[in-house]
């Protein structure tokens, strides 16, 4: 049993020592590629960093970091991790800090724009459905458009009463702030 354990320890030692033996014999671009892989792995294993946003490049043992991080602390952390990888001579940390605030503002604006468009389309559909159900209005003669809650009615109707009815029906919907009635009476 002791012989098996000794053999296992020797095999494990050989396997673990092999990368450092090979690393010493690697030269030039092959060594840089090997270092690049080690740096990328070290960054990927750190849960505080998004390794998909960090690019690494190694030339003659010098690591260059590019891409974006959220904070100055993340930028510093990526640099320190890279410096501590065995074989790295120096680190040029060119990571850009892109705060969550600007990203959050962009996403918030996009979300609001989508919600407004959705509300406008829903409002148009509901108004057209009401016009179609009305005996006094011809849905084919009235065009309905909406932009950020402002509904515009264009086209023609048979009477002033029909024009007022169309405006009234359009005004009584959620998300409608104002109705611009451009209907012509024929």
N, C-alpha and C. Protein backbone atom coordinates (compact mmCIF):
# COMPACT_ATOMS: atom_id res chain seq x y z
N UNK A 1 0.82 -1.20 0.00
CA UNK A 1 0.00 0.00 0.00
C UNK A 1 0.86 1.26 0.00
N UNK A 2 1.97 1.25 0.80
CA UNK A 2 2.86 2.41 0.82
C UNK A 2 3.51 2.63 -0.53
N UNK A 3 3.79 1.55 -1.23
CA UNK A 3 4.41 1.67 -2.55
C UNK A 3 3.47 2.38 -3.53
N UNK A 4 2.16 2.10 -3.42
CA UNK A 4 1.15 2.74 -4.27
C UNK A 4 1.08 4.23 -3.97
N UNK A 5 1.12 4.58 -2.70
CA UNK A 5 1.07 6.00 -2.32
C UNK A 5 2.31 6.74 -2.81
N UNK A 6 3.45 6.12 -2.68
CA UNK A 6 4.69 6.76 -3.13
C UNK A 6 4.65 6.96 -4.65
N UNK A 7 4.17 5.97 -5.36
CA UNK A 7 4.07 6.07 -6.82
C UNK A 7 3.10 7.19 -7.22
N UNK A 8 1.98 7.30 -6.49
CA UNK A 8 0.99 8.34 -6.79
C UNK A 8 1.57 9.72 -6.53
N UNK A 9 2.31 9.89 -5.44
CA UNK A 9 2.92 11.17 -5.12
C UNK A 9 3.95 11.55 -6.18
N UNK A 10 4.73 10.58 -6.61
CA UNK A 10 5.74 10.85 -7.63
C UNK A 10 5.09 11.24 -8.96
N UNK A 11 4.01 10.56 -9.32
CA UNK A 11 3.31 10.87 -10.57
C UNK A 11 2.70 12.27 -10.50
N UNK A 12 2.08 12.59 -9.36
CA UNK A 12 1.47 13.90 -9.17
C UNK A 12 2.53 15.00 -9.22
N UNK A 13 3.66 14.77 -8.59
CA UNK A 13 4.75 15.74 -8.59
C UNK A 13 5.26 15.98 -10.01
N UNK A 14 5.37 14.92 -10.77
CA UNK A 14 5.83 15.04 -12.16
C UNK A 14 4.84 15.87 -12.98
N UNK A 15 3.56 15.59 -12.81
CA UNK A 15 2.52 16.31 -13.56
C UNK A 15 2.50 17.79 -13.17
N UNK A 16 2.61 18.07 -11.87
CA UNK A 16 2.56 19.46 -11.42
C UNK A 16 3.83 20.22 -11.77
N UNK A 17 4.94 19.57 -11.82
CA UNK A 17 6.21 20.23 -12.13
C UNK A 17 6.38 20.46 -13.62
N UNK A 18 5.72 19.69 -14.44
CA UNK A 18 5.90 19.77 -15.89
C UNK A 18 5.65 21.17 -16.44
N UNK A 19 4.55 21.87 -16.06
CA UNK A 19 4.34 23.20 -16.64
C UNK A 19 5.48 24.17 -16.36
N UNK A 20 6.05 24.13 -15.14
CA UNK A 20 7.13 25.07 -14.86
C UNK A 20 8.40 24.69 -15.61
N UNK A 21 8.64 23.41 -15.82
CA UNK A 21 9.80 22.98 -16.61
C UNK A 21 9.64 23.44 -18.05
N UNK A 22 8.42 23.25 -18.60
CA UNK A 22 8.17 23.68 -19.97
C UNK A 22 8.23 25.20 -20.09
N UNK A 23 7.74 25.90 -19.07
CA UNK A 23 7.71 27.36 -19.13
C UNK A 23 9.12 27.92 -19.24
N UNK A 24 10.06 27.30 -18.57
CA UNK A 24 11.43 27.79 -18.62
C UNK A 24 12.04 27.59 -20.00
N UNK A 25 11.56 26.59 -20.73
CA UNK A 25 12.14 26.34 -22.05
C UNK A 25 11.40 27.07 -23.16
N UNK A 26 10.24 27.64 -22.87
CA UNK A 26 9.49 28.34 -23.90
C UNK A 26 10.15 29.68 -24.19
N UNK A 27 10.06 30.11 -25.43
CA UNK A 27 10.69 31.36 -25.85
C UNK A 27 9.71 32.20 -26.67
N UNK A 28 9.94 33.49 -26.69
CA UNK A 28 9.23 34.41 -27.58
C UNK A 28 7.72 34.36 -27.52
N UNK A 29 7.11 34.22 -28.70
CA UNK A 29 5.65 34.29 -28.82
C UNK A 29 4.97 33.14 -28.10
N UNK A 30 5.59 31.98 -28.08
CA UNK A 30 4.99 30.84 -27.38
C UNK A 30 4.90 31.13 -25.89
N UNK A 31 5.95 31.72 -25.33
CA UNK A 31 5.94 32.06 -23.90
C UNK A 31 4.91 33.15 -23.63
N UNK A 32 4.82 34.15 -24.53
CA UNK A 32 3.83 35.21 -24.37
C UNK A 32 2.41 34.65 -24.41
N UNK A 33 2.15 33.72 -25.32
CA UNK A 33 0.83 33.10 -25.41
C UNK A 33 0.52 32.32 -24.14
N UNK A 34 1.52 31.64 -23.61
CA UNK A 34 1.34 30.88 -22.37
C UNK A 34 1.02 31.83 -21.21
N UNK A 35 1.77 32.96 -21.12
CA UNK A 35 1.51 33.96 -20.08
C UNK A 35 0.13 34.58 -20.25
N UNK A 36 -0.25 34.85 -21.50
CA UNK A 36 -1.57 35.44 -21.78
C UNK A 36 -2.68 34.53 -21.25
N UNK A 37 -2.54 33.24 -21.49
CA UNK A 37 -3.52 32.28 -20.98
C UNK A 37 -3.57 32.26 -19.47
N UNK A 38 -2.40 32.36 -18.83
CA UNK A 38 -2.36 32.37 -17.36
C UNK A 38 -3.04 33.63 -16.80
N UNK A 39 -2.77 34.78 -17.42
CA UNK A 39 -3.37 36.04 -16.96
C UNK A 39 -4.88 36.01 -17.16
N UNK A 40 -5.32 35.57 -18.34
CA UNK A 40 -6.77 35.48 -18.61
C UNK A 40 -7.45 34.55 -17.62
N UNK A 41 -6.81 33.43 -17.31
CA UNK A 41 -7.39 32.48 -16.35
C UNK A 41 -7.47 33.10 -14.97
N UNK A 42 -6.41 33.79 -14.55
CA UNK A 42 -6.41 34.42 -13.22
C UNK A 42 -7.52 35.46 -13.10
N UNK A 43 -7.72 36.24 -14.16
CA UNK A 43 -8.79 37.25 -14.15
C UNK A 43 -10.16 36.57 -14.17
N UNK A 44 -10.30 35.53 -14.97
CA UNK A 44 -11.59 34.82 -15.07
C UNK A 44 -11.97 34.16 -13.75
N UNK A 45 -10.99 33.73 -12.98
CA UNK A 45 -11.28 33.06 -11.71
C UNK A 45 -11.67 34.03 -10.61
N UNK A 46 -11.47 35.32 -10.81
CA UNK A 46 -11.84 36.31 -9.81
C UNK A 46 -13.30 36.70 -10.01
N UNK A 47 -14.12 36.45 -9.01
CA UNK A 47 -15.56 36.68 -9.13
C UNK A 47 -15.94 38.16 -9.14
N UNK A 48 -15.03 39.03 -8.73
CA UNK A 48 -15.33 40.46 -8.71
C UNK A 48 -15.19 41.11 -10.08
N UNK A 49 -14.59 40.39 -11.03
CA UNK A 49 -14.34 40.96 -12.35
C UNK A 49 -15.15 40.24 -13.43
N UNK A 50 -15.56 40.99 -14.45
CA UNK A 50 -16.23 40.41 -15.61
C UNK A 50 -15.15 40.20 -16.68
N UNK A 51 -14.65 38.98 -16.77
CA UNK A 51 -13.54 38.70 -17.68
C UNK A 51 -13.92 38.87 -19.15
N UNK A 52 -15.21 38.88 -19.46
CA UNK A 52 -15.63 39.07 -20.84
C UNK A 52 -15.41 40.51 -21.31
N UNK A 53 -15.25 41.43 -20.38
CA UNK A 53 -15.05 42.84 -20.71
C UNK A 53 -13.58 43.26 -20.64
N UNK A 54 -12.69 42.32 -20.27
CA UNK A 54 -11.27 42.62 -20.12
C UNK A 54 -10.48 41.84 -21.16
N UNK A 55 -9.68 42.56 -21.95
CA UNK A 55 -8.83 41.93 -22.96
C UNK A 55 -7.39 41.97 -22.49
N UNK A 56 -6.66 40.89 -22.76
CA UNK A 56 -5.25 40.84 -22.38
C UNK A 56 -4.40 40.61 -23.62
N UNK A 57 -3.23 41.22 -23.60
CA UNK A 57 -2.25 41.01 -24.67
C UNK A 57 -0.89 40.98 -24.01
N UNK A 58 -0.06 40.03 -24.40
CA UNK A 58 1.27 39.90 -23.81
C UNK A 58 2.32 39.97 -24.91
N UNK A 59 3.33 40.80 -24.67
CA UNK A 59 4.45 40.92 -25.60
C UNK A 59 5.74 41.02 -24.78
N UNK A 60 6.61 40.04 -24.94
CA UNK A 60 7.88 39.98 -24.23
C UNK A 60 7.70 40.09 -22.72
N UNK A 61 6.66 39.45 -22.20
CA UNK A 61 6.40 39.42 -20.77
C UNK A 61 5.64 40.62 -20.24
N UNK A 62 5.36 41.60 -21.10
CA UNK A 62 4.61 42.79 -20.69
C UNK A 62 3.14 42.58 -21.01
N UNK A 63 2.28 42.68 -20.00
CA UNK A 63 0.84 42.49 -20.16
C UNK A 63 0.18 43.84 -20.39
N UNK A 64 -0.68 43.93 -21.40
CA UNK A 64 -1.48 45.12 -21.64
C UNK A 64 -2.94 44.74 -21.44
N UNK A 65 -3.61 45.46 -20.54
CA UNK A 65 -5.03 45.23 -20.26
C UNK A 65 -5.84 46.32 -20.95
N UNK A 66 -6.85 45.93 -21.73
CA UNK A 66 -7.76 46.87 -22.37
C UNK A 66 -9.18 46.37 -22.14
N UNK A 67 -10.15 47.23 -22.42
CA UNK A 67 -11.55 46.88 -22.21
C UNK A 67 -12.16 47.82 -21.19
N UNK A 68 -13.25 47.38 -20.56
CA UNK A 68 -13.94 48.23 -19.59
C UNK A 68 -14.21 47.49 -18.30
N UNK A 69 -14.20 48.25 -17.22
CA UNK A 69 -14.60 47.77 -15.90
C UNK A 69 -15.55 48.81 -15.31
N UNK A 70 -16.23 48.46 -14.23
CA UNK A 70 -17.24 49.35 -13.67
C UNK A 70 -16.67 50.39 -12.71
N UNK A 71 -15.57 50.05 -12.01
CA UNK A 71 -15.04 50.95 -10.99
C UNK A 71 -13.52 51.03 -11.06
N UNK A 72 -12.98 52.06 -10.40
CA UNK A 72 -11.53 52.18 -10.28
C UNK A 72 -10.95 51.00 -9.51
N UNK A 73 -11.70 50.51 -8.52
CA UNK A 73 -11.24 49.37 -7.73
C UNK A 73 -11.10 48.12 -8.60
N UNK A 74 -12.02 47.90 -9.53
CA UNK A 74 -11.92 46.76 -10.44
C UNK A 74 -10.72 46.91 -11.37
N UNK A 75 -10.46 48.12 -11.81
CA UNK A 75 -9.30 48.37 -12.68
C UNK A 75 -8.02 48.03 -11.93
N UNK A 76 -7.92 48.51 -10.70
CA UNK A 76 -6.74 48.24 -9.88
C UNK A 76 -6.60 46.74 -9.59
N UNK A 77 -7.72 46.08 -9.29
CA UNK A 77 -7.70 44.65 -9.01
C UNK A 77 -7.19 43.86 -10.21
N UNK A 78 -7.68 44.17 -11.39
CA UNK A 78 -7.23 43.46 -12.60
C UNK A 78 -5.73 43.66 -12.82
N UNK A 79 -5.25 44.87 -12.56
CA UNK A 79 -3.82 45.13 -12.69
C UNK A 79 -2.99 44.34 -11.69
N UNK A 80 -3.46 44.30 -10.44
CA UNK A 80 -2.73 43.56 -9.40
C UNK A 80 -2.72 42.06 -9.67
N UNK A 81 -3.84 41.54 -10.10
CA UNK A 81 -3.91 40.10 -10.43
C UNK A 81 -2.90 39.79 -11.53
N UNK A 82 -2.86 40.64 -12.55
CA UNK A 82 -1.94 40.41 -13.67
C UNK A 82 -0.48 40.49 -13.22
N UNK A 83 -0.15 41.46 -12.37
CA UNK A 83 1.23 41.62 -11.88
C UNK A 83 1.70 40.39 -11.11
N UNK A 84 0.77 39.73 -10.43
CA UNK A 84 1.13 38.61 -9.56
C UNK A 84 1.18 37.27 -10.28
N UNK A 85 0.96 37.25 -11.58
CA UNK A 85 1.08 36.01 -12.34
C UNK A 85 2.57 35.76 -12.59
N UNK A 86 3.02 34.57 -12.25
CA UNK A 86 4.43 34.21 -12.40
C UNK A 86 4.87 34.34 -13.86
N UNK A 87 5.93 35.09 -14.08
CA UNK A 87 6.46 35.27 -15.43
C UNK A 87 6.15 36.63 -16.03
N UNK A 88 5.20 37.37 -15.44
CA UNK A 88 4.84 38.68 -15.96
C UNK A 88 5.90 39.69 -15.53
N UNK A 89 6.45 40.43 -16.51
CA UNK A 89 7.49 41.43 -16.23
C UNK A 89 6.89 42.77 -15.80
N UNK A 90 5.82 43.21 -16.49
CA UNK A 90 5.18 44.48 -16.17
C UNK A 90 3.75 44.47 -16.71
N UNK A 91 2.96 45.44 -16.23
CA UNK A 91 1.56 45.53 -16.66
C UNK A 91 1.26 46.97 -17.08
N UNK A 92 0.69 47.12 -18.27
CA UNK A 92 0.20 48.40 -18.76
C UNK A 92 -1.33 48.34 -18.67
N UNK A 93 -1.88 48.98 -17.65
CA UNK A 93 -3.32 48.89 -17.38
C UNK A 93 -4.05 50.02 -18.10
N UNK A 94 -4.62 49.71 -19.26
CA UNK A 94 -5.36 50.68 -20.07
C UNK A 94 -6.87 50.48 -19.96
N UNK A 95 -7.32 49.81 -18.91
CA UNK A 95 -8.75 49.57 -18.74
C UNK A 95 -9.48 50.89 -18.55
N UNK A 96 -10.63 51.04 -19.20
CA UNK A 96 -11.46 52.23 -19.06
C UNK A 96 -12.53 51.94 -18.01
N UNK A 97 -12.78 52.92 -17.16
CA UNK A 97 -13.82 52.78 -16.14
C UNK A 97 -15.11 53.35 -16.70
N UNK A 98 -16.12 52.49 -16.80
CA UNK A 98 -17.43 52.89 -17.30
C UNK A 98 -18.41 52.66 -16.17
N UNK A 99 -18.87 53.75 -15.56
CA UNK A 99 -19.71 53.62 -14.38
C UNK A 99 -21.08 53.05 -14.72
N UNK A 100 -21.67 52.40 -13.73
CA UNK A 100 -23.01 51.84 -13.88
C UNK A 100 -24.05 52.93 -14.07
N UNK A 101 -23.77 54.13 -13.57
CA UNK A 101 -24.76 55.20 -13.65
C UNK A 101 -25.09 55.50 -15.11
N UNK A 102 -24.07 55.67 -15.94
CA UNK A 102 -24.36 55.98 -17.33
C UNK A 102 -25.03 54.81 -18.04
N UNK A 103 -24.60 53.60 -17.73
CA UNK A 103 -25.22 52.42 -18.32
C UNK A 103 -26.66 52.30 -17.82
N UNK A 104 -26.85 52.56 -16.53
CA UNK A 104 -28.19 52.49 -15.95
C UNK A 104 -29.11 53.54 -16.58
N UNK A 105 -28.58 54.74 -16.77
CA UNK A 105 -29.38 55.80 -17.40
C UNK A 105 -29.79 55.41 -18.81
N UNK A 106 -28.84 54.82 -19.56
CA UNK A 106 -29.15 54.39 -20.93
C UNK A 106 -30.24 53.33 -20.94
N UNK A 107 -30.12 52.37 -20.03
CA UNK A 107 -31.11 51.29 -19.98
C UNK A 107 -32.47 51.82 -19.53
N UNK A 108 -32.46 52.76 -18.58
CA UNK A 108 -33.70 53.34 -18.09
C UNK A 108 -34.39 54.10 -19.22
N UNK A 109 -33.63 54.87 -19.98
CA UNK A 109 -34.19 55.63 -21.11
C UNK A 109 -34.77 54.68 -22.16
N UNK A 110 -34.02 53.63 -22.48
CA UNK A 110 -34.50 52.66 -23.48
C UNK A 110 -35.77 51.98 -23.00
N UNK A 111 -35.83 51.67 -21.72
CA UNK A 111 -37.03 51.03 -21.16
C UNK A 111 -38.24 51.95 -21.22
N UNK A 112 -38.03 53.23 -20.92
CA UNK A 112 -39.13 54.20 -20.98
C UNK A 112 -39.60 54.40 -22.42
N UNK A 113 -38.66 54.47 -23.34
CA UNK A 113 -39.02 54.65 -24.76
C UNK A 113 -39.85 53.46 -25.25
N UNK A 114 -39.43 52.25 -24.86
CA UNK A 114 -40.17 51.06 -25.25
C UNK A 114 -41.57 51.08 -24.64
N UNK A 115 -41.67 51.44 -23.36
CA UNK A 115 -42.97 51.48 -22.68
C UNK A 115 -43.89 52.51 -23.34
N UNK A 116 -43.34 53.68 -23.68
CA UNK A 116 -44.16 54.70 -24.35
C UNK A 116 -44.67 54.21 -25.70
N UNK A 117 -43.79 53.58 -26.46
CA UNK A 117 -44.19 53.07 -27.78
C UNK A 117 -45.27 51.99 -27.62
N UNK A 118 -45.06 51.11 -26.66
CA UNK A 118 -46.04 50.05 -26.39
C UNK A 118 -47.39 50.65 -26.01
N UNK A 119 -47.37 51.65 -25.13
CA UNK A 119 -48.61 52.30 -24.71
C UNK A 119 -49.30 52.98 -25.89
N UNK A 120 -48.51 53.64 -26.75
CA UNK A 120 -49.09 54.29 -27.93
C UNK A 120 -49.76 53.27 -28.85
N UNK A 121 -49.08 52.17 -29.13
CA UNK A 121 -49.64 51.14 -30.02
C UNK A 121 -50.90 50.52 -29.43
N UNK A 122 -50.88 50.27 -28.12
CA UNK A 122 -52.05 49.70 -27.45
C UNK A 122 -53.22 50.69 -27.49
N UNK A 123 -52.93 51.96 -27.26
CA UNK A 123 -53.96 53.00 -27.29
C UNK A 123 -54.59 53.08 -28.68
N UNK A 124 -53.78 53.08 -29.72
CA UNK A 124 -54.29 53.14 -31.09
C UNK A 124 -55.21 51.96 -31.36
N UNK A 125 -54.80 50.78 -30.97
CA UNK A 125 -55.62 49.58 -31.19
C UNK A 125 -56.95 49.68 -30.45
N UNK A 126 -56.93 50.15 -29.22
CA UNK A 126 -58.17 50.25 -28.43
C UNK A 126 -59.12 51.31 -29.02
N UNK A 127 -58.57 52.43 -29.45
CA UNK A 127 -59.41 53.48 -30.04
C UNK A 127 -60.03 52.99 -31.35
N UNK A 128 -59.24 52.34 -32.19
CA UNK A 128 -59.78 51.80 -33.44
C UNK A 128 -60.86 50.76 -33.18
N UNK A 129 -60.69 49.95 -32.15
CA UNK A 129 -61.71 48.95 -31.81
C UNK A 129 -63.00 49.64 -31.39
N UNK A 130 -62.89 50.72 -30.61
CA UNK A 130 -64.09 51.47 -30.21
C UNK A 130 -64.77 52.11 -31.42
N UNK A 131 -63.98 52.67 -32.32
CA UNK A 131 -64.56 53.27 -33.52
C UNK A 131 -65.27 52.21 -34.36
N UNK A 132 -64.68 51.03 -34.47
CA UNK A 132 -65.28 49.95 -35.26
C UNK A 132 -66.60 49.49 -34.65
N UNK A 133 -66.70 49.56 -33.33
CA UNK A 133 -67.93 49.12 -32.65
C UNK A 133 -69.03 50.18 -32.68
N UNK A 134 -68.68 51.39 -33.05
CA UNK A 134 -69.65 52.49 -33.06
C UNK A 134 -70.40 52.55 -34.39
N UNK A 135 -71.72 52.74 -34.30
CA UNK A 135 -72.53 52.88 -35.51
C UNK A 135 -72.38 54.27 -36.13
N UNK A 136 -71.92 55.24 -35.33
CA UNK A 136 -71.81 56.62 -35.81
C UNK A 136 -70.47 56.95 -36.44
N UNK A 137 -69.48 56.05 -36.31
CA UNK A 137 -68.14 56.33 -36.83
C UNK A 137 -67.71 55.26 -37.82
N UNK A 138 -66.99 55.67 -38.85
CA UNK A 138 -66.46 54.73 -39.84
C UNK A 138 -64.95 54.61 -39.60
N UNK A 139 -64.52 53.45 -39.10
CA UNK A 139 -63.12 53.24 -38.77
C UNK A 139 -62.22 53.36 -40.00
N UNK A 140 -62.76 53.09 -41.16
CA UNK A 140 -61.94 53.17 -42.38
C UNK A 140 -61.70 54.61 -42.82
N UNK A 141 -62.51 55.55 -42.34
CA UNK A 141 -62.36 56.96 -42.72
C UNK A 141 -61.56 57.77 -41.70
N UNK A 142 -61.21 57.16 -40.57
CA UNK A 142 -60.49 57.88 -39.51
C UNK A 142 -59.13 57.21 -39.29
N UNK A 143 -58.07 58.02 -39.39
CA UNK A 143 -56.72 57.53 -39.10
C UNK A 143 -56.34 57.97 -37.69
N UNK A 144 -55.82 57.03 -36.90
CA UNK A 144 -55.42 57.31 -35.51
C UNK A 144 -53.92 57.11 -35.39
N UNK A 145 -53.23 58.12 -34.84
CA UNK A 145 -51.81 57.97 -34.53
C UNK A 145 -51.58 58.46 -33.11
N UNK A 146 -50.47 58.04 -32.51
CA UNK A 146 -50.16 58.45 -31.15
C UNK A 146 -48.65 58.59 -31.00
N UNK A 147 -48.27 59.59 -30.20
CA UNK A 147 -46.86 59.80 -29.91
C UNK A 147 -46.74 60.29 -28.47
N UNK A 148 -46.21 59.43 -27.61
CA UNK A 148 -46.04 59.75 -26.19
C UNK A 148 -47.33 60.24 -25.54
N UNK A 149 -48.42 59.58 -25.85
CA UNK A 149 -49.70 59.89 -25.22
C UNK A 149 -50.52 60.96 -25.90
N UNK A 150 -49.99 61.56 -26.97
CA UNK A 150 -50.75 62.56 -27.73
C UNK A 150 -51.33 61.85 -28.95
N UNK A 151 -52.67 61.76 -28.97
CA UNK A 151 -53.38 61.06 -30.04
C UNK A 151 -53.81 62.09 -31.09
N UNK A 152 -53.57 61.76 -32.36
CA UNK A 152 -53.98 62.63 -33.46
C UNK A 152 -54.98 61.87 -34.33
N UNK A 153 -56.13 62.52 -34.58
CA UNK A 153 -57.17 61.95 -35.43
C UNK A 153 -57.18 62.73 -36.75
N UNK A 154 -57.06 62.01 -37.86
CA UNK A 154 -57.14 62.64 -39.18
C UNK A 154 -58.11 61.83 -40.04
N UNK A 155 -58.52 62.43 -41.13
CA UNK A 155 -59.48 61.77 -42.00
C UNK A 155 -60.75 62.59 -42.08
N UNK A 156 -61.88 61.90 -42.31
CA UNK A 156 -63.14 62.65 -42.40
C UNK A 156 -64.28 61.88 -41.75
N UNK A 157 -65.29 62.67 -41.31
CA UNK A 157 -66.52 62.12 -40.71
C UNK A 157 -67.71 62.83 -41.37
N UNK A 158 -68.91 62.30 -41.08
CA UNK A 158 -70.12 62.81 -41.73
C UNK A 158 -70.70 64.05 -41.07
N UNK A 159 -70.40 64.26 -39.76
CA UNK A 159 -71.03 65.38 -39.07
C UNK A 159 -70.12 65.90 -37.95
N UNK A 160 -70.48 67.09 -37.45
CA UNK A 160 -69.76 67.67 -36.32
C UNK A 160 -69.93 66.80 -35.08
N UNK A 161 -71.12 66.19 -34.93
CA UNK A 161 -71.38 65.30 -33.79
C UNK A 161 -70.45 64.08 -33.85
N UNK A 162 -70.21 63.54 -35.05
CA UNK A 162 -69.31 62.39 -35.20
C UNK A 162 -67.87 62.79 -34.88
N UNK A 163 -67.50 64.02 -35.25
CA UNK A 163 -66.15 64.52 -34.94
C UNK A 163 -65.96 64.61 -33.43
N UNK A 164 -66.95 65.17 -32.74
CA UNK A 164 -66.88 65.29 -31.28
C UNK A 164 -66.90 63.92 -30.60
N UNK A 165 -67.71 63.00 -31.13
CA UNK A 165 -67.78 61.65 -30.57
C UNK A 165 -66.43 60.94 -30.70
N UNK A 166 -65.78 61.06 -31.84
CA UNK A 166 -64.47 60.43 -32.05
C UNK A 166 -63.45 60.98 -31.06
N UNK A 167 -63.45 62.29 -30.86
CA UNK A 167 -62.52 62.90 -29.91
C UNK A 167 -62.81 62.43 -28.49
N UNK A 168 -64.07 62.37 -28.12
CA UNK A 168 -64.46 61.92 -26.78
C UNK A 168 -64.03 60.47 -26.53
N UNK A 169 -64.28 59.60 -27.51
CA UNK A 169 -63.89 58.18 -27.36
C UNK A 169 -62.37 58.05 -27.24
N UNK A 170 -61.63 58.85 -28.02
CA UNK A 170 -60.17 58.78 -27.98
C UNK A 170 -59.62 59.28 -26.64
N UNK A 171 -60.25 60.30 -26.09
CA UNK A 171 -59.75 60.91 -24.85
C UNK A 171 -59.90 59.99 -23.65
N UNK A 172 -60.86 59.09 -23.67
CA UNK A 172 -61.16 58.26 -22.50
C UNK A 172 -60.39 56.93 -22.52
N UNK A 173 -59.10 57.00 -22.73
CA UNK A 173 -58.24 55.82 -22.69
C UNK A 173 -57.05 56.10 -21.78
N UNK A 174 -56.56 55.05 -21.15
CA UNK A 174 -55.35 55.20 -20.34
C UNK A 174 -54.21 55.67 -21.24
N UNK A 175 -53.33 56.42 -20.68
CA UNK A 175 -52.11 56.90 -21.34
C UNK A 175 -52.36 58.00 -22.36
N UNK A 176 -53.61 58.44 -22.55
CA UNK A 176 -53.88 59.55 -23.47
C UNK A 176 -53.81 60.85 -22.67
N UNK A 177 -52.88 61.71 -23.08
CA UNK A 177 -52.71 63.00 -22.41
C UNK A 177 -53.50 64.10 -23.12
N UNK A 178 -53.59 63.95 -24.44
CA UNK A 178 -54.21 65.00 -25.25
C UNK A 178 -54.67 64.38 -26.56
N UNK A 179 -55.75 64.94 -27.13
CA UNK A 179 -56.23 64.51 -28.45
C UNK A 179 -56.19 65.72 -29.38
N UNK A 180 -55.50 65.55 -30.50
CA UNK A 180 -55.47 66.58 -31.54
C UNK A 180 -56.44 66.11 -32.62
N UNK A 181 -57.56 66.82 -32.73
CA UNK A 181 -58.64 66.41 -33.63
C UNK A 181 -58.54 67.19 -34.94
N UNK A 182 -58.03 66.53 -35.98
CA UNK A 182 -57.89 67.15 -37.30
C UNK A 182 -58.89 66.55 -38.29
N UNK A 183 -59.97 65.98 -37.76
CA UNK A 183 -60.98 65.37 -38.63
C UNK A 183 -61.72 66.46 -39.42
N UNK A 184 -61.97 66.19 -40.68
CA UNK A 184 -62.75 67.08 -41.53
C UNK A 184 -64.20 66.58 -41.55
N UNK A 185 -65.12 67.52 -41.56
CA UNK A 185 -66.54 67.17 -41.69
C UNK A 185 -66.92 67.32 -43.16
N UNK A 186 -67.37 66.21 -43.77
CA UNK A 186 -67.78 66.23 -45.18
C UNK A 186 -69.27 66.34 -45.30
